[in-house]
Amino acid sequence: MSSFTYPRTFWIMCMGAMSFFLSFNIILPELPTALRNLGGAEYVGWIIPAFSVSALIARPISGWITDNMGRRWTMIGGCLFCIVAGCFYPLATTVMGFLFIRILHGFSTGFTPTGFISYTADIVDESHRGRAMGWQGFYNNVGTSLGYAFGAVIALHLGMDNLYYTSILLALIACILFLYLPETMPKSNRRAFRFDLANLFYWPAWKPSMIMFLVCISLGSILTVMPDFTVGLGFNNKGLFLSLYIASSLVFRLVSGKISDRLGRPWSTAIGTGTQVLSMGLLLFIATQQGLYSDKIDPNQFLVWYVTSAILYGIGQGFNAPSLFAWASDTADIQHRGRALAMLFIFLELGIIFGGLAANFFLDNTTWNYAGIFAVSGIAFLLAFGYSILCILNNKKPQ
């Protein structure tokens, strides 16, 4: 579907989402170094889980707010957490203080994505929802990719403090764009806050949520170890793998949305998880080579395998993410859509936390057991691939 068929507010929302993702990802490749400089080398494996734990706590709350107070509240609220956390990073002088800021920062992704993905589902017809989620993910990934690519450059030439200030500015831009959007939740559907644990979860969305958990295990591990793995291979840019996989993901998100809409969500996740099984296989092959542990490693030795793995991983992300978000949206009406997506995000965070902690399990002092980390991720992808195939064979329609 061509771009002119989408409403103007959709593109404004996408630009805001891009700025939001750029805001918190631009600092990510440099955080391991920042934590080590504070004397926290043994806590590097907690950088991602600390962020994800608070996001996990926020997810069910954000779903309730999205459904009962409005989409904009959650979008803007998450941006404010980014701004506040960005102000505190330069002030961190202890390991525990740094990790506390990571926890605070994590609330941002616990709120904002629930709001803008619900917003997308509200303004785009279900028959084109997979493609809309593809476009949405395209802008998210542009922000993420630019963050990985330029964060190290800014830190090198302008210093870490200015990198944090850049993150604040980007979050502020996102907040302004979200403020411009009209609310899509009808006033008649809004309710005053009343805590009810049962209403915080939406179990009809458990199928895409389970697949999301499995595919995000690797994400928690990759974000944790890939900067060190990349440097260990002799490459200077810590964000190289992340930038490559995001770039390839951008290309395939739009294609995957069409496949998802025409053939069904499980077809798209089967393709996505299948390619990521191959990606982990290549990384496992690299990690088991003796040359990786040499003091004078030649980066060209593994260049083809490394780049191919990143591209395959990105293809998988490009197929999985739009389909899973569309799948969860399909299970709910407008009144419950926020909670359905929050349910998906809860399992996303659980997968990232599990992956990050699994990576930390394979940390021996300051040395990673990369083979073990990639093997765990590969098994998770294989399970997700198997369940997707099962859905296809049973001709299950994700409704």
Protein backbone atom coordinates (compact mmCIF):
# COMPACT_ATOMS: atom_id res chain seq x y z
CA MET A 1 0.00 0.00 0.00
CA SER A 2 1.44 3.39 -0.99
CA SER A 3 2.20 6.04 1.58
CA PHE A 4 -0.52 8.51 0.51
CA THR A 5 -3.23 6.16 1.79
CA TYR A 6 -2.09 6.68 5.39
CA PRO A 7 -3.38 9.69 7.35
CA ARG A 8 -1.02 12.56 8.10
CA THR A 9 -1.16 11.86 11.82
CA PHE A 10 0.31 8.40 11.16
CA TRP A 11 3.49 9.89 9.73
CA ILE A 12 3.78 12.45 12.54
CA MET A 13 3.46 9.62 15.03
CA CYS A 14 6.12 7.62 13.15
CA MET A 15 8.52 10.58 13.25
CA GLY A 16 7.94 10.91 16.99
CA ALA A 17 8.56 7.18 17.46
CA MET A 18 11.80 7.43 15.45
CA SER A 19 13.06 10.27 17.63
CA PHE A 20 12.06 8.34 20.77
CA PHE A 21 13.95 5.20 19.72
CA LEU A 22 16.94 7.27 18.68
CA SER A 23 16.93 8.91 22.11
CA PHE A 24 17.48 5.83 24.24
CA ASN A 25 19.47 3.76 21.71
CA ILE A 26 22.08 6.40 20.93
CA ILE A 27 23.73 5.83 24.32
CA LEU A 28 23.49 2.03 24.34
CA PRO A 29 26.80 0.99 22.66
CA GLU A 30 28.76 3.22 25.06
CA LEU A 31 27.10 2.13 28.30
CA PRO A 32 29.36 -0.92 28.93
CA THR A 33 32.42 1.36 28.79
CA ALA A 34 30.74 3.94 31.03
CA LEU A 35 29.90 1.28 33.62
CA ARG A 36 33.42 -0.18 33.52
CA ASN A 37 34.83 3.30 34.10
CA LEU A 38 32.80 3.41 37.31
CA GLY A 39 34.35 0.11 38.42
CA GLY A 40 31.38 -2.05 37.48
CA ALA A 41 32.91 -4.45 34.94
CA GLU A 42 31.21 -7.44 36.57
CA TYR A 43 27.81 -5.75 36.27
CA VAL A 44 27.88 -5.09 32.51
CA GLY A 45 25.44 -7.97 32.01
CA TRP A 46 22.86 -6.04 34.04
CA ILE A 47 22.70 -3.00 31.72
CA ILE A 48 19.86 -4.47 29.64
CA PRO A 49 17.98 -6.39 32.39
CA ALA A 50 17.94 -3.34 34.69
CA PHE A 51 16.33 -1.35 31.89
CA SER A 52 13.88 -4.11 31.04
CA VAL A 53 12.72 -4.85 34.59
CA SER A 54 11.17 -1.40 35.00
CA ALA A 55 9.76 -1.58 31.47
CA LEU A 56 8.15 -4.87 32.44
CA ILE A 57 6.61 -3.31 35.55
CA ALA A 58 5.25 -0.43 33.48
CA ARG A 59 3.75 -2.55 30.67
CA PRO A 60 0.46 -3.65 32.30
CA ILE A 61 -0.03 -0.18 33.76
CA SER A 62 0.62 1.43 30.38
CA GLY A 63 -1.96 -0.88 28.80
CA TRP A 64 -4.59 0.23 31.32
CA ILE A 65 -3.71 3.92 30.85
CA THR A 66 -3.78 3.55 27.07
CA ASP A 67 -7.26 1.99 27.11
CA ASN A 68 -8.80 4.19 29.79
CA MET A 69 -7.06 7.57 29.67
CA GLY A 70 -5.85 7.76 26.08
CA ARG A 71 -2.98 6.88 23.77
CA ARG A 72 -1.20 10.23 24.09
CA TRP A 73 -0.81 9.93 27.86
CA THR A 74 1.39 6.86 27.53
CA MET A 75 3.39 8.25 24.60
CA ILE A 76 4.22 11.51 26.36
CA GLY A 77 4.78 9.88 29.76
CA GLY A 78 7.48 7.61 28.39
CA CYS A 79 9.29 10.55 26.80
CA LEU A 80 9.39 12.32 30.16
CA PHE A 81 11.17 9.33 31.72
CA CYS A 82 13.78 9.55 28.93
CA ILE A 83 14.34 13.23 29.64
CA VAL A 84 14.68 12.74 33.41
CA ALA A 85 17.04 9.75 33.05
CA GLY A 86 19.18 11.65 30.55
CA CYS A 87 19.64 14.42 33.10
CA PHE A 88 20.85 11.97 35.76
CA TYR A 89 23.33 9.88 33.72
CA PRO A 90 26.10 12.54 33.84
CA LEU A 91 25.69 12.72 37.63
CA ALA A 92 26.25 9.00 38.24
CA THR A 93 29.41 8.36 40.27
CA THR A 94 28.72 4.83 41.58
CA VAL A 95 27.80 1.51 39.99
CA MET A 96 24.54 1.25 41.94
CA GLY A 97 23.63 4.81 41.03
CA PHE A 98 24.22 4.04 37.36
CA LEU A 99 22.05 0.92 37.49
CA PHE A 100 19.30 2.83 39.32
CA ILE A 101 19.25 5.34 36.45
CA ARG A 102 18.97 2.44 34.01
CA ILE A 103 15.92 1.23 35.96
CA LEU A 104 14.41 4.72 35.82
CA HIS A 105 15.15 4.95 32.09
CA GLY A 106 13.43 1.63 31.44
CA PHE A 107 10.03 3.05 32.37
CA SER A 108 10.20 5.04 29.13
CA THR A 109 9.86 1.98 26.89
CA GLY A 110 7.30 0.57 29.27
CA PHE A 111 4.93 3.38 28.32
CA THR A 112 5.57 5.09 24.97
CA PRO A 113 5.53 2.10 22.53
CA THR A 114 2.25 0.79 23.97
CA GLY A 115 0.70 4.14 23.16
CA PHE A 116 1.95 4.67 19.64
CA ILE A 117 1.38 1.10 18.46
CA SER A 118 -2.20 1.28 19.80
CA TYR A 119 -2.48 4.59 17.95
CA THR A 120 -1.39 2.91 14.71
CA ALA A 121 -3.93 0.12 15.17
CA ASP A 122 -6.66 2.72 15.78
CA ILE A 123 -6.13 4.71 12.59
CA VAL A 124 -5.34 1.88 10.14
CA ASP A 125 -7.84 -0.73 8.95
CA GLU A 126 -7.18 -4.33 10.05
CA SER A 127 -6.71 -5.53 6.46
CA HIS A 128 -3.62 -3.30 6.18
CA ARG A 129 -2.46 -3.48 9.78
CA GLY A 130 0.55 -5.70 9.06
CA ARG A 131 1.87 -3.20 6.53
CA ALA A 132 1.19 -0.31 8.88
CA MET A 133 3.14 -2.08 11.62
CA GLY A 134 5.90 -2.61 9.06
CA TRP A 135 6.09 1.13 8.42
CA GLN A 136 5.92 1.79 12.14
CA GLY A 137 8.78 -0.62 12.73
CA PHE A 138 10.69 0.95 9.84
CA TYR A 139 10.79 4.30 11.60
CA ASN A 140 11.53 2.67 14.95
CA ASN A 141 14.47 0.87 13.40
CA VAL A 142 15.76 3.96 11.63
CA GLY A 143 15.96 5.62 15.04
CA THR A 144 17.62 2.57 16.57
CA SER A 145 20.11 2.17 13.71
CA LEU A 146 21.09 5.85 13.71
CA GLY A 147 21.56 5.62 17.45
CA TYR A 148 23.91 2.64 17.19
CA ALA A 149 25.83 4.27 14.33
CA PHE A 150 26.31 7.77 15.75
CA GLY A 151 26.39 7.21 19.50
CA ALA A 152 30.02 6.08 19.47
CA VAL A 153 30.98 8.98 17.16
CA ILE A 154 29.40 11.59 19.45
CA ALA A 155 30.99 10.05 22.54
CA LEU A 156 34.42 9.97 20.86
CA HIS A 157 34.40 13.58 19.63
CA LEU A 158 32.12 15.37 22.12
CA GLY A 159 32.28 13.19 25.24
CA MET A 160 29.75 11.09 27.14
CA ASP A 161 28.01 14.03 28.82
CA ASN A 162 27.15 15.57 25.46
CA LEU A 163 25.93 12.16 24.27
CA TYR A 164 23.49 12.11 27.20
CA TYR A 165 22.36 15.67 26.41
CA THR A 166 21.75 14.66 22.79
CA SER A 167 19.55 11.85 24.09
CA ILE A 168 17.53 14.37 26.13
CA LEU A 169 17.02 16.62 23.10
CA LEU A 170 15.76 13.74 20.96
CA ALA A 171 13.27 12.69 23.66
CA LEU A 172 12.04 16.28 23.86
CA ILE A 173 11.46 16.37 20.08
CA ALA A 174 9.46 13.13 20.32
CA CYS A 175 7.37 14.58 23.14
CA ILE A 176 6.54 17.69 21.09
CA LEU A 177 5.47 15.58 18.10
CA PHE A 178 3.23 13.38 20.27
CA LEU A 179 1.64 16.48 21.81
CA TYR A 180 0.57 17.53 18.31
CA LEU A 181 -1.43 14.33 17.72
CA PRO A 182 -5.21 14.23 18.29
CA GLU A 183 -6.41 11.56 20.74
CA THR A 184 -7.99 8.49 19.12
CA MET A 185 -9.56 7.01 22.26
CA PRO A 186 -13.20 8.24 22.44
CA LYS A 187 -14.02 10.18 25.59
CA SER A 188 -16.93 7.85 26.25
CA ASN A 189 -14.46 4.96 26.70
CA ARG A 190 -12.25 6.75 29.22
CA ARG A 191 -12.50 5.82 32.87
CA ALA A 192 -11.03 7.03 36.13
CA PHE A 193 -8.21 4.97 37.60
CA ARG A 194 -9.28 1.88 39.55
CA PHE A 195 -6.68 -0.76 40.30
CA ASP A 196 -7.75 -4.27 39.34
CA LEU A 197 -5.00 -6.82 38.79
CA ALA A 198 -7.19 -8.97 36.52
CA ASN A 199 -7.73 -6.05 34.14
CA LEU A 200 -4.02 -5.39 33.69
CA PHE A 201 -3.52 -8.49 31.50
CA TYR A 202 -5.18 -9.61 28.27
CA TRP A 203 -4.82 -13.37 27.89
CA PRO A 204 -6.36 -13.75 24.40
CA ALA A 205 -3.03 -12.38 23.12
CA TRP A 206 -0.97 -15.19 24.66
CA LYS A 207 0.01 -16.88 21.36
CA PRO A 208 1.92 -13.96 19.80
CA SER A 209 3.18 -13.14 23.30
CA MET A 210 4.78 -16.57 23.67
CA ILE A 211 6.57 -16.23 20.33
CA MET A 212 7.65 -12.71 21.29
CA PHE A 213 9.22 -14.08 24.48
CA LEU A 214 11.24 -16.65 22.55
CA VAL A 215 12.52 -14.28 19.87
CA CYS A 216 13.50 -11.62 22.41
CA ILE A 217 15.77 -13.93 24.40
CA SER A 218 18.45 -13.35 21.79
CA LEU A 219 17.76 -9.63 21.79
CA GLY A 220 18.64 -9.41 25.48
CA SER A 221 21.85 -11.34 24.84
CA ILE A 222 22.82 -9.56 21.62
CA LEU A 223 22.41 -6.08 23.11
CA THR A 224 24.51 -7.15 26.08
CA VAL A 225 27.47 -8.91 24.45
CA MET A 226 27.65 -7.80 20.83
CA PRO A 227 29.72 -4.62 21.42
CA ASP A 228 32.42 -6.73 23.12
CA PHE A 229 32.09 -9.54 20.55
CA THR A 230 32.52 -7.03 17.71
CA VAL A 231 35.64 -5.49 19.24
CA GLY A 232 36.97 -8.99 19.91
CA LEU A 233 36.74 -9.73 16.19
CA GLY A 234 38.93 -6.70 15.47
CA PHE A 235 36.26 -4.19 14.39
CA ASN A 236 36.44 -0.68 15.83
CA ASN A 237 32.75 0.26 15.69
CA LYS A 238 31.00 -1.37 18.65
CA GLY A 239 27.61 -0.87 17.05
CA LEU A 240 28.50 -2.49 13.71
CA PHE A 241 26.45 -5.70 14.09
CA LEU A 242 23.50 -3.77 15.50
CA SER A 243 23.60 -1.24 12.65
CA LEU A 244 23.83 -3.98 10.01
CA TYR A 245 20.92 -5.98 11.38
CA ILE A 246 18.74 -2.90 11.80
CA ALA A 247 19.53 -1.79 8.22
CA SER A 248 18.52 -5.16 6.76
CA SER A 249 15.45 -5.20 8.97
CA LEU A 250 14.32 -1.89 7.47
CA VAL A 251 14.21 -3.38 3.98
CA PHE A 252 12.21 -6.47 4.90
CA ARG A 253 9.67 -4.93 7.28
CA LEU A 254 7.56 -3.57 4.44
CA VAL A 255 7.66 -6.87 2.53
CA SER A 256 6.85 -8.85 5.66
CA GLY A 257 3.80 -6.71 6.36
CA LYS A 258 2.26 -7.70 3.02
CA ILE A 259 2.98 -11.39 3.63
CA SER A 260 1.50 -11.11 7.11
CA ASP A 261 -1.70 -9.49 5.80
CA ARG A 262 -2.17 -11.92 2.91
CA LEU A 263 -0.99 -15.29 4.24
CA GLY A 264 -1.40 -14.84 7.98
CA ARG A 265 0.80 -13.88 10.92
CA PRO A 266 2.33 -17.37 11.51
CA TRP A 267 3.75 -17.49 7.96
CA SER A 268 5.67 -14.30 8.62
CA THR A 269 6.99 -15.42 12.01
CA ALA A 270 8.02 -18.78 10.53
CA ILE A 271 10.16 -17.00 7.95
CA GLY A 272 11.55 -14.63 10.56
CA THR A 273 12.48 -17.21 13.17
CA GLY A 274 13.85 -19.58 10.53
CA THR A 275 16.36 -17.00 9.28
CA GLN A 276 17.36 -16.17 12.84
CA VAL A 277 18.13 -19.82 13.55
CA LEU A 278 20.62 -19.58 10.67
CA SER A 279 21.98 -16.30 12.06
CA MET A 280 22.71 -17.83 15.45
CA GLY A 281 24.30 -20.81 13.74
CA LEU A 282 26.78 -18.53 11.99
CA LEU A 283 27.59 -16.66 15.21
CA LEU A 284 28.07 -19.98 16.97
CA PHE A 285 30.46 -21.05 14.22
CA ILE A 286 32.51 -17.85 14.65
CA ALA A 287 32.52 -18.16 18.44
CA THR A 288 33.92 -21.70 18.32
CA GLN A 289 36.88 -20.74 16.14
CA GLN A 290 40.19 -20.62 17.98
CA GLY A 291 41.24 -17.49 16.12
CA LEU A 292 38.63 -15.46 17.96
CA TYR A 293 40.70 -15.65 21.12
CA SER A 294 43.97 -14.61 19.48
CA ASP A 295 45.62 -11.35 20.52
CA LYS A 296 46.21 -10.39 16.89
CA ILE A 297 43.01 -11.32 15.18
CA ASP A 298 42.41 -10.36 11.55
CA PRO A 299 38.86 -8.94 11.25
CA ASN A 300 38.69 -10.04 7.61
CA GLN A 301 38.91 -13.65 8.76
CA PHE A 302 35.27 -13.68 9.88
CA LEU A 303 33.94 -10.68 7.97
CA VAL A 304 31.66 -12.59 5.56
CA TRP A 305 30.18 -14.78 8.30
CA TYR A 306 29.72 -11.80 10.61
CA VAL A 307 27.98 -9.63 8.02
CA THR A 308 25.81 -12.51 6.78
CA SER A 309 24.73 -13.30 10.33
CA ALA A 310 23.78 -9.67 10.98
CA ILE A 311 21.76 -9.50 7.76
CA LEU A 312 19.93 -12.75 8.51
CA TYR A 313 19.20 -11.57 12.03
CA GLY A 314 17.79 -8.32 10.63
CA ILE A 315 15.61 -10.18 8.11
CA GLY A 316 14.19 -12.19 10.99
CA GLN A 317 13.46 -9.07 13.01
CA GLY A 318 11.87 -7.49 9.95
CA PHE A 319 9.43 -10.39 9.62
CA ASN A 320 8.76 -11.07 13.30
CA ALA A 321 8.05 -7.68 14.81
CA PRO A 322 5.31 -6.30 12.48
CA SER A 323 3.51 -9.65 12.43
CA LEU A 324 3.53 -10.11 16.19
CA PHE A 325 2.25 -6.60 16.84
CA ALA A 326 -0.46 -7.02 14.21
CA TRP A 327 -1.31 -10.47 15.62
CA ALA A 328 -1.78 -9.06 19.13
CA SER A 329 -3.83 -6.14 17.75
CA ASP A 330 -6.07 -8.60 15.89
CA THR A 331 -7.08 -10.24 19.17
CA ALA A 332 -8.70 -7.12 20.63
CA ASP A 333 -11.19 -4.33 19.93
CA ILE A 334 -10.37 -0.65 20.53
CA GLN A 335 -11.38 -0.90 24.19
CA HIS A 336 -8.87 -3.69 24.92
CA ARG A 337 -6.14 -3.00 22.35
CA GLY A 338 -3.82 -1.25 24.77
CA ARG A 339 -3.89 -4.21 27.14
CA ALA A 340 -3.39 -6.68 24.28
CA LEU A 341 -0.28 -4.84 23.16
CA ALA A 342 0.86 -4.41 26.75
CA MET A 343 0.58 -8.20 27.13
CA LEU A 344 2.84 -8.60 24.10
CA PHE A 345 5.30 -6.10 25.53
CA ILE A 346 5.32 -7.87 28.90
CA PHE A 347 6.57 -11.02 27.22
CA LEU A 348 8.98 -8.97 25.13
CA GLU A 349 10.54 -7.61 28.32
CA LEU A 350 10.56 -11.06 29.94
CA GLY A 351 12.45 -12.39 26.92
CA ILE A 352 14.98 -9.55 27.02
CA ILE A 353 15.47 -9.97 30.77
CA PHE A 354 15.93 -13.73 30.42
CA GLY A 355 18.38 -13.22 27.55
CA GLY A 356 20.39 -10.62 29.42
CA LEU A 357 20.60 -12.73 32.56
CA ALA A 358 21.44 -15.82 30.49
CA ALA A 359 24.31 -13.86 28.94
CA ASN A 360 25.44 -12.80 32.42
CA PHE A 361 25.42 -16.50 33.42
CA PHE A 362 28.03 -17.09 30.71
CA LEU A 363 30.24 -14.27 32.01
CA ASP A 364 33.44 -15.43 33.71
CA ASN A 365 34.96 -12.37 35.34
CA THR A 366 35.29 -10.15 32.23
CA THR A 367 35.27 -12.96 29.62
CA TRP A 368 32.11 -14.02 27.78
CA ASN A 369 31.36 -17.59 26.74
CA TYR A 370 29.94 -16.49 23.40
CA ALA A 371 29.25 -20.02 22.17
CA GLY A 372 26.93 -20.73 25.11
CA ILE A 373 25.11 -17.42 24.67
CA PHE A 374 24.48 -17.94 20.95
CA ALA A 375 23.43 -21.57 21.50
CA VAL A 376 20.73 -20.55 24.00
CA SER A 377 19.40 -17.93 21.57
CA GLY A 378 19.43 -20.42 18.70
CA ILE A 379 17.37 -22.94 20.68
CA ALA A 380 14.82 -20.24 21.52
CA PHE A 381 14.48 -19.30 17.84
CA LEU A 382 14.08 -22.98 16.93
CA LEU A 383 11.20 -23.32 19.40
CA ALA A 384 9.51 -20.20 18.01
CA PHE A 385 9.95 -21.52 14.47
CA GLY A 386 8.41 -24.84 15.47
CA TYR A 387 5.35 -23.21 17.00
CA SER A 388 4.86 -20.99 13.94
CA ILE A 389 4.92 -24.07 11.71
CA LEU A 390 2.43 -25.77 14.03
CA CYS A 391 0.05 -22.82 13.65
CA ILE A 392 0.37 -23.01 9.86
CA LEU A 393 -0.23 -26.77 9.74
CA ASN A 394 -3.28 -26.46 11.98
CA ASN A 395 -4.50 -23.57 9.84
CA LYS A 396 -5.00 -21.46 12.95
CA LYS A 397 -6.16 -17.95 12.28
CA PRO A 398 -4.74 -15.57 14.95
CA GLN A 399 -7.98 -13.92 16.05
